[in-house]
N, C-alpha and C. Protein backbone atom coordinates (compact mmCIF):
# COMPACT_ATOMS: atom_id res chain seq x y z
N MET A 1 -4.59 9.00 -0.64
CA MET A 1 -6.14 9.23 -0.55
C MET A 1 -6.58 7.59 -1.47
N LEU A 2 -5.78 7.82 -2.10
CA LEU A 2 -6.22 6.28 -2.92
C LEU A 2 -5.81 5.27 -2.19
N ALA A 3 -5.20 5.08 -1.25
CA ALA A 3 -4.76 3.70 -0.60
C ALA A 3 -5.97 3.67 0.84
N ALA A 4 -6.61 4.66 1.10
CA ALA A 4 -7.77 4.91 1.61
C ALA A 4 -8.92 4.14 0.59
N MET A 5 -9.14 4.82 -0.28
CA MET A 5 -10.42 4.73 -0.96
C MET A 5 -10.00 3.29 -1.54
N ARG A 6 -9.06 2.43 -2.20
CA ARG A 6 -8.56 1.29 -2.03
C ARG A 6 -8.98 0.60 -1.05
N ALA A 7 -8.68 0.72 0.49
CA ALA A 7 -9.35 0.19 1.63
C ALA A 7 -10.64 -0.06 1.57
N GLY A 8 -11.38 0.63 1.09
CA GLY A 8 -13.14 0.80 1.08
C GLY A 8 -12.96 1.91 1.95
N ALA A 9 -12.57 3.13 1.66
CA ALA A 9 -13.33 4.11 2.18
C ALA A 9 -14.20 4.86 1.13
N ARG A 10 -14.67 5.38 2.01
CA ARG A 10 -16.49 5.98 0.89
C ARG A 10 -16.32 7.42 0.70
N GLY A 11 -16.07 8.15 1.78
CA GLY A 11 -15.62 9.58 1.51
C GLY A 11 -13.90 9.65 1.91
N TYR A 12 -13.77 10.66 1.94
CA TYR A 12 -12.61 11.78 1.76
C TYR A 12 -12.81 13.36 2.47
N LEU A 13 -12.44 13.67 2.71
CA LEU A 13 -12.38 15.20 3.82
C LEU A 13 -11.52 15.23 4.33
N LEU A 14 -10.58 16.51 3.98
CA LEU A 14 -9.23 17.27 4.41
C LEU A 14 -9.34 17.66 5.57
N LYS A 15 -8.23 17.30 6.65
CA LYS A 15 -8.71 18.31 8.10
C LYS A 15 -8.86 19.51 8.11
N GLY A 16 -9.73 19.82 8.93
CA GLY A 16 -9.74 21.18 9.04
C GLY A 16 -11.36 21.61 8.43
N ALA A 17 -12.11 20.47 7.59
CA ALA A 17 -13.11 20.56 7.23
C ALA A 17 -14.15 21.16 8.04
N GLU A 18 -15.10 22.12 8.09
CA GLU A 18 -15.66 22.44 8.92
C GLU A 18 -17.17 21.28 9.15
N GLN A 19 -17.89 21.57 10.89
CA GLN A 19 -18.03 20.38 11.50
C GLN A 19 -19.96 19.90 10.27
N GLN A 20 -20.39 20.84 9.93
CA GLN A 20 -21.55 20.60 9.08
C GLN A 20 -21.07 19.39 7.16
N ASP A 21 -19.78 20.29 7.51
CA ASP A 21 -19.84 19.38 6.16
C ASP A 21 -19.37 18.07 6.48
N MET A 22 -18.92 17.84 7.41
CA MET A 22 -18.51 16.52 7.92
C MET A 22 -19.72 15.59 8.01
N LEU A 23 -20.38 16.32 8.65
CA LEU A 23 -22.16 15.54 8.97
C LEU A 23 -22.67 15.29 7.66
N ALA A 24 -22.65 16.50 6.84
CA ALA A 24 -23.16 16.20 5.26
C ALA A 24 -22.41 15.01 4.88
N ALA A 25 -21.20 14.60 4.78
CA ALA A 25 -20.51 13.77 4.09
C ALA A 25 -20.91 12.38 4.73
N ILE A 26 -21.09 12.39 6.18
CA ILE A 26 -21.21 10.93 6.92
C ILE A 26 -23.28 10.56 6.64
N ARG A 27 -23.88 11.21 6.32
CA ARG A 27 -25.26 11.39 5.89
C ARG A 27 -25.21 10.80 4.34
N SER A 28 -23.93 11.25 3.75
CA SER A 28 -24.17 10.98 2.26
C SER A 28 -23.86 9.95 1.95
N VAL A 29 -22.58 9.21 2.74
CA VAL A 29 -21.90 7.69 2.80
C VAL A 29 -23.11 6.67 3.34
N VAL A 30 -23.26 6.79 4.42
CA VAL A 30 -24.42 6.34 4.61
C VAL A 30 -25.49 5.92 3.79
N ALA A 31 -26.08 6.92 3.53
CA ALA A 31 -27.14 6.82 1.69
C ALA A 31 -26.18 6.06 0.54
N GLY A 32 -25.10 5.95 0.94
CA GLY A 32 -24.73 4.82 -0.32
C GLY A 32 -23.90 5.79 -1.37
N GLN A 33 -23.67 6.93 -0.64
CA GLN A 33 -22.95 8.10 -2.19
C GLN A 33 -21.22 7.49 -1.49
N VAL A 34 -21.00 8.54 -2.49
CA VAL A 34 -19.14 8.61 -2.22
C VAL A 34 -18.82 10.21 -2.19
N VAL A 35 -18.30 10.36 -1.02
CA VAL A 35 -17.99 11.97 -0.93
C VAL A 35 -16.69 12.48 -0.94
N ILE A 36 -15.85 13.07 -1.79
CA ILE A 36 -14.50 13.72 -1.98
C ILE A 36 -14.72 15.25 -1.70
N GLY A 37 -13.97 15.70 -0.82
CA GLY A 37 -14.23 16.89 -0.09
C GLY A 37 -13.45 17.63 -1.71
N PRO A 38 -13.78 18.92 -1.45
CA PRO A 38 -13.52 19.97 -2.63
C PRO A 38 -11.64 20.21 -2.94
N GLY A 39 -11.43 20.21 -1.68
CA GLY A 39 -10.17 20.05 -2.06
C GLY A 39 -8.98 19.08 -2.67
N VAL A 40 -9.99 17.51 -1.52
CA VAL A 40 -9.22 16.19 -2.40
C VAL A 40 -9.70 16.16 -4.11
N ALA A 41 -10.97 16.91 -4.24
CA ALA A 41 -11.19 16.55 -5.83
C ALA A 41 -10.70 16.95 -6.98
N GLY A 42 -9.90 18.19 -6.40
CA GLY A 42 -8.85 19.25 -7.05
C GLY A 42 -7.82 18.60 -7.73
N ARG A 43 -7.19 17.86 -6.09
CA ARG A 43 -5.68 17.23 -6.22
C ARG A 43 -6.23 15.85 -6.78
N LEU A 44 -7.15 15.09 -7.02
CA LEU A 44 -8.02 13.70 -7.39
C LEU A 44 -7.89 13.85 -8.76
N ILE A 45 -8.18 14.88 -9.66
CA ILE A 45 -8.31 15.39 -10.93
C ILE A 45 -7.04 15.72 -11.35
N SER A 46 -6.37 16.24 -10.62
CA SER A 46 -4.64 16.91 -11.37
C SER A 46 -4.06 15.45 -11.34
N TYR A 47 -4.41 14.49 -10.19
CA TYR A 47 -3.68 13.49 -10.07
C TYR A 47 -4.11 12.66 -11.62
N LEU A 48 -4.95 12.20 -11.72
CA LEU A 48 -5.51 11.74 -12.53
C LEU A 48 -5.64 12.08 -13.90
N SER A 49 -4.96 13.54 -14.34
CA SER A 49 -4.64 14.19 -15.51
C SER A 49 -3.72 13.83 -15.95
N VAL A 50 -2.42 13.62 -15.19
CA VAL A 50 -1.11 13.96 -15.50
C VAL A 50 -0.85 12.18 -15.97
N PRO A 51 -0.41 11.27 -16.65
CA PRO A 51 -0.15 10.33 -16.95
C PRO A 51 0.97 9.93 -15.97
N GLN A 52 0.72 8.49 -15.53
CA GLN A 52 1.40 7.68 -14.58
C GLN A 52 2.32 6.93 -15.24
N SER A 53 3.86 7.04 -15.38
CA SER A 53 4.22 5.61 -15.95
C SER A 53 4.91 5.04 -15.33
N ALA A 54 5.22 4.97 -13.99
CA ALA A 54 5.51 3.61 -13.03
C ALA A 54 4.82 3.72 -12.09
N GLU A 55 3.75 3.58 -11.98
CA GLU A 55 2.58 3.87 -10.65
C GLU A 55 3.18 2.75 -9.52
N THR A 56 3.97 3.08 -8.35
CA THR A 56 4.22 2.49 -7.45
C THR A 56 3.46 0.98 -7.13
N PRO A 57 4.35 -0.31 -7.52
CA PRO A 57 3.26 -1.45 -7.20
C PRO A 57 2.87 -1.18 -5.56
N PHE A 58 1.26 -2.13 -4.86
CA PHE A 58 1.29 -2.13 -3.60
C PHE A 58 1.60 -1.03 -2.91
N PRO A 59 0.38 0.06 -3.11
CA PRO A 59 0.47 1.55 -2.47
C PRO A 59 0.37 1.43 -0.86
N GLU A 60 -0.57 -0.34 -0.87
CA GLU A 60 -0.67 -0.43 0.89
C GLU A 60 0.63 -0.77 1.50
N LEU A 61 1.47 -0.95 0.74
CA LEU A 61 2.45 -1.26 1.75
C LEU A 61 3.68 -0.22 2.01
N THR A 62 4.62 -0.42 2.81
CA THR A 62 5.65 0.70 3.05
C THR A 62 6.78 0.41 2.12
N PRO A 63 7.46 1.26 2.25
CA PRO A 63 8.83 0.65 1.19
C PRO A 63 9.38 -0.60 1.56
N ARG A 64 9.74 -0.63 2.68
CA ARG A 64 9.94 -1.79 3.55
C ARG A 64 9.80 -2.87 3.06
N GLU A 65 7.90 -3.34 3.16
CA GLU A 65 7.73 -4.33 3.24
C GLU A 65 7.49 -4.54 1.45
N ARG A 66 7.67 -3.46 0.51
CA ARG A 66 7.72 -4.13 -0.69
C ARG A 66 8.88 -4.42 -1.20
N GLU A 67 10.30 -4.10 -0.04
CA GLU A 67 11.16 -4.37 -0.66
C GLU A 67 11.62 -6.19 -0.34
N ILE A 68 11.06 -6.23 0.58
CA ILE A 68 10.62 -7.85 1.71
C ILE A 68 9.96 -8.48 0.64
N LEU A 69 8.88 -8.31 -0.02
CA LEU A 69 7.86 -8.69 -0.66
C LEU A 69 8.47 -9.17 -2.11
N SER A 70 9.53 -7.93 -2.46
CA SER A 70 10.18 -8.21 -3.65
C SER A 70 11.25 -9.62 -3.09
N ARG A 71 11.87 -9.41 -2.02
CA ARG A 71 13.31 -10.53 -1.87
C ARG A 71 12.15 -11.82 -1.65
N ILE A 72 10.88 -12.02 -1.29
CA ILE A 72 10.15 -13.13 -1.08
C ILE A 72 9.98 -13.70 -2.40
N ALA A 73 9.67 -13.05 -3.36
CA ALA A 73 9.16 -13.47 -4.61
C ALA A 73 10.55 -13.70 -5.41
N GLN A 74 11.44 -13.26 -5.23
CA GLN A 74 13.13 -14.12 -5.38
C GLN A 74 13.38 -15.14 -4.93
N GLY A 75 12.50 -15.82 -4.05
CA GLY A 75 13.19 -16.84 -3.33
C GLY A 75 13.38 -16.80 -2.41
N GLN A 76 13.95 -15.86 -1.64
CA GLN A 76 15.05 -15.71 -0.62
C GLN A 76 14.11 -16.01 0.86
N SER A 77 15.01 -16.21 1.93
CA SER A 77 13.83 -16.83 3.01
C SER A 77 13.79 -15.95 3.74
N ASN A 78 13.33 -16.33 5.22
CA ASN A 78 13.13 -15.05 5.80
C ASN A 78 14.85 -14.21 6.55
N GLY A 79 15.44 -15.50 6.67
CA GLY A 79 17.10 -15.69 7.16
C GLY A 79 17.59 -14.75 6.16
N ALA A 80 17.62 -15.25 5.07
CA ALA A 80 18.33 -14.52 4.16
C ALA A 80 17.75 -13.12 3.88
N ILE A 81 16.89 -12.58 3.87
CA ILE A 81 16.12 -11.19 3.84
C ILE A 81 16.62 -10.68 5.09
N ALA A 82 16.90 -11.03 6.20
CA ALA A 82 17.18 -10.58 7.44
C ALA A 82 18.77 -9.98 7.30
N ALA A 83 19.86 -11.26 6.41
CA ALA A 83 20.71 -10.78 6.61
C ALA A 83 21.39 -9.73 6.14
N GLY A 84 20.20 -9.64 4.36
CA GLY A 84 20.84 -9.08 3.25
C GLY A 84 20.27 -7.45 3.86
N LEU A 85 19.13 -7.25 4.43
CA LEU A 85 18.71 -6.02 4.83
C LEU A 85 19.25 -5.38 6.58
N GLY A 86 20.25 -6.66 7.04
CA GLY A 86 20.98 -5.79 8.39
C GLY A 86 19.61 -6.13 9.63
N VAL A 87 18.86 -6.75 9.52
CA VAL A 87 17.96 -6.71 10.58
C VAL A 87 17.36 -8.01 10.94
N ALA A 88 16.92 -8.07 12.45
CA ALA A 88 16.83 -9.43 12.83
C ALA A 88 15.34 -10.28 12.07
N VAL A 89 15.92 -11.61 12.52
CA VAL A 89 14.61 -12.26 11.39
C VAL A 89 13.23 -12.48 12.30
N LYS A 90 12.85 -12.15 13.33
CA LYS A 90 11.98 -12.07 13.68
C LYS A 90 11.43 -10.67 13.17
N THR A 91 12.18 -9.49 12.83
CA THR A 91 11.66 -8.34 12.29
C THR A 91 11.01 -8.73 10.87
N VAL A 92 12.06 -9.35 10.08
CA VAL A 92 11.19 -9.62 8.59
C VAL A 92 10.17 -10.88 9.05
N GLY A 93 9.96 -11.42 9.91
CA GLY A 93 8.89 -12.30 9.99
C GLY A 93 7.37 -11.33 10.47
N ASN A 94 7.76 -10.30 11.27
CA ASN A 94 6.90 -9.25 11.39
C ASN A 94 6.13 -8.23 10.23
N ASN A 95 6.79 -8.32 9.61
CA ASN A 95 7.28 -7.46 8.33
C ASN A 95 6.10 -8.81 7.41
N VAL A 96 6.80 -9.44 7.03
CA VAL A 96 5.72 -10.29 6.29
C VAL A 96 4.63 -11.16 6.89
N SER A 97 3.97 -11.17 8.21
CA SER A 97 2.80 -11.22 8.48
C SER A 97 2.10 -10.13 7.93
N ALA A 98 2.93 -8.56 8.59
CA ALA A 98 1.92 -7.28 8.08
C ALA A 98 1.62 -7.44 6.52
N ILE A 99 2.29 -7.83 5.42
CA ILE A 99 2.14 -7.95 4.16
C ILE A 99 1.02 -8.95 4.38
N PHE A 100 1.49 -9.90 4.61
CA PHE A 100 0.23 -11.08 4.44
C PHE A 100 -1.49 -10.30 4.10
N ALA A 101 -0.89 -10.05 5.65
CA ALA A 101 -2.45 -9.17 5.86
C ALA A 101 -2.80 -7.86 5.01
N LYS A 102 -1.93 -7.21 4.60
CA LYS A 102 -2.48 -6.14 3.67
C LYS A 102 -2.48 -6.66 2.54
N LEU A 103 -2.24 -7.57 1.99
CA LEU A 103 -2.49 -8.51 0.72
C LEU A 103 -3.41 -9.28 0.75
N ARG A 104 -3.99 -9.55 2.10
CA ARG A 104 -5.24 -10.55 1.85
C ARG A 104 -4.82 -12.11 1.26
N VAL A 105 -3.28 -12.01 1.37
CA VAL A 105 -2.87 -13.74 1.26
C VAL A 105 -2.91 -14.62 2.50
N ALA A 106 -2.67 -15.74 1.95
CA ALA A 106 -2.48 -16.81 3.61
C ALA A 106 -1.49 -17.13 3.36
N SER A 107 -0.58 -17.48 2.05
CA SER A 107 0.66 -18.38 2.39
C SER A 107 1.71 -17.36 1.32
N ARG A 108 3.12 -17.83 1.51
CA ARG A 108 4.33 -17.30 0.89
C ARG A 108 3.93 -17.51 -0.81
N ALA A 109 3.38 -18.65 -1.20
CA ALA A 109 3.15 -19.13 -2.67
C ALA A 109 2.13 -17.67 -3.17
N GLU A 110 1.14 -17.55 -2.43
CA GLU A 110 0.35 -16.78 -3.30
C GLU A 110 0.67 -15.33 -2.81
N ALA A 111 1.54 -14.92 -1.85
CA ALA A 111 2.41 -13.57 -1.91
C ALA A 111 3.63 -13.50 -3.69
N ILE A 112 4.03 -14.63 -3.42
CA ILE A 112 4.86 -14.85 -4.62
C ILE A 112 4.03 -14.11 -5.77
N VAL A 113 3.08 -14.98 -5.83
CA VAL A 113 2.19 -14.86 -7.28
C VAL A 113 1.92 -13.25 -7.85
N ARG A 114 1.20 -12.82 -6.13
CA ARG A 114 0.71 -11.31 -6.47
C ARG A 114 2.07 -10.62 -6.71
N ALA A 115 3.21 -10.74 -6.42
CA ALA A 115 4.45 -10.10 -5.96
C ALA A 115 5.12 -9.82 -7.74
N ARG A 116 4.87 -10.75 -8.17
CA ARG A 116 5.15 -11.48 -9.31
C ARG A 116 4.50 -10.27 -10.83
N GLU A 117 3.06 -10.81 -9.97
CA GLU A 117 1.88 -10.41 -11.19
C GLU A 117 2.00 -8.28 -10.92
N GLY A 118 2.29 -8.27 -9.63
CA GLY A 118 2.30 -6.24 -9.85
C GLY A 118 4.79 -6.34 -10.20
N GLY A 119 4.81 -7.01 -10.61
CA GLY A 119 6.24 -6.41 -10.93
C GLY A 119 7.06 -6.89 -10.39
N LEU A 120 7.11 -7.24 -9.20
CA LEU A 120 8.07 -7.19 -8.16
C LEU A 120 9.32 -8.70 -7.97
N GLY A 121 10.16 -9.10 -7.82
CA GLY A 121 11.22 -10.13 -7.85
C GLY A 121 11.43 -10.36 -8.83
N HIS A 122 11.93 -9.42 -10.16
CA HIS A 122 12.75 -9.97 -10.96
C HIS A 122 13.88 -8.67 -10.63
N GLY A 123 15.39 -10.01 -10.89
CA GLY A 123 16.11 -9.48 -10.76
C GLY A 123 16.75 -9.46 -9.49
N PRO A 124 18.27 -9.06 -9.33
CA PRO A 124 18.59 -9.02 -7.86
C PRO A 124 18.01 -7.54 -7.06
N PRO A 125 17.77 -8.48 -5.85
CA PRO A 125 17.28 -7.44 -4.87
C PRO A 125 17.79 -5.68 -4.86
N ALA A 126 17.15 -5.33 -5.11
CA ALA A 126 17.57 -3.79 -5.08
C ALA A 126 17.75 -3.34 -3.39
N SER A 127 18.59 -2.13 -3.60
CA SER A 127 19.67 -1.53 -2.06
C SER A 127 18.48 -1.04 -1.63
N HIS A 128 18.64 -0.76 -0.38
CA HIS A 128 17.27 -0.30 0.43
C HIS A 128 17.86 0.70 1.17
N HIS A 129 17.34 2.24 0.97
CA HIS A 129 17.39 3.19 1.56
C HIS A 129 16.80 3.56 2.81
N GLU A 130 15.87 3.31 2.58
CA GLU A 130 14.58 3.83 3.62
C GLU A 130 13.81 2.56 4.38
N GLN A 131 14.06 3.27 5.70
CA GLN A 131 13.15 1.87 6.73
C GLN A 131 11.53 2.10 6.87
N ALA A 132 10.85 1.53 7.13
CA ALA A 132 9.58 1.60 7.47
C ALA A 132 9.79 1.38 8.90
């Protein structure tokens, strides 16, 4: 839900919401309000009331994309990233394109700055166990 809100969503209801609740939510959003359904609101309050020790940087990215961004910030080329992850260079290139789009950056240099500001790219590349 947080990723959706960061991406510009103005309302969030759980699936299974009644039709009249969905219509009311749509009308409210059109009127400029933010709508968060009661089930979502409870979860959000619980989430916000617990201190977040180490929030995952760039939640809009998949774990694989975060790994690739970290390796970019370490100065690795697409070829080196592909070799390190055991994937094709084209796969890395596709991931890099997705990262640039999600972060709204136009160059590798901009991506590196954003990654380092987010705490990525320091130290040796982490091992990767999950594929996106």
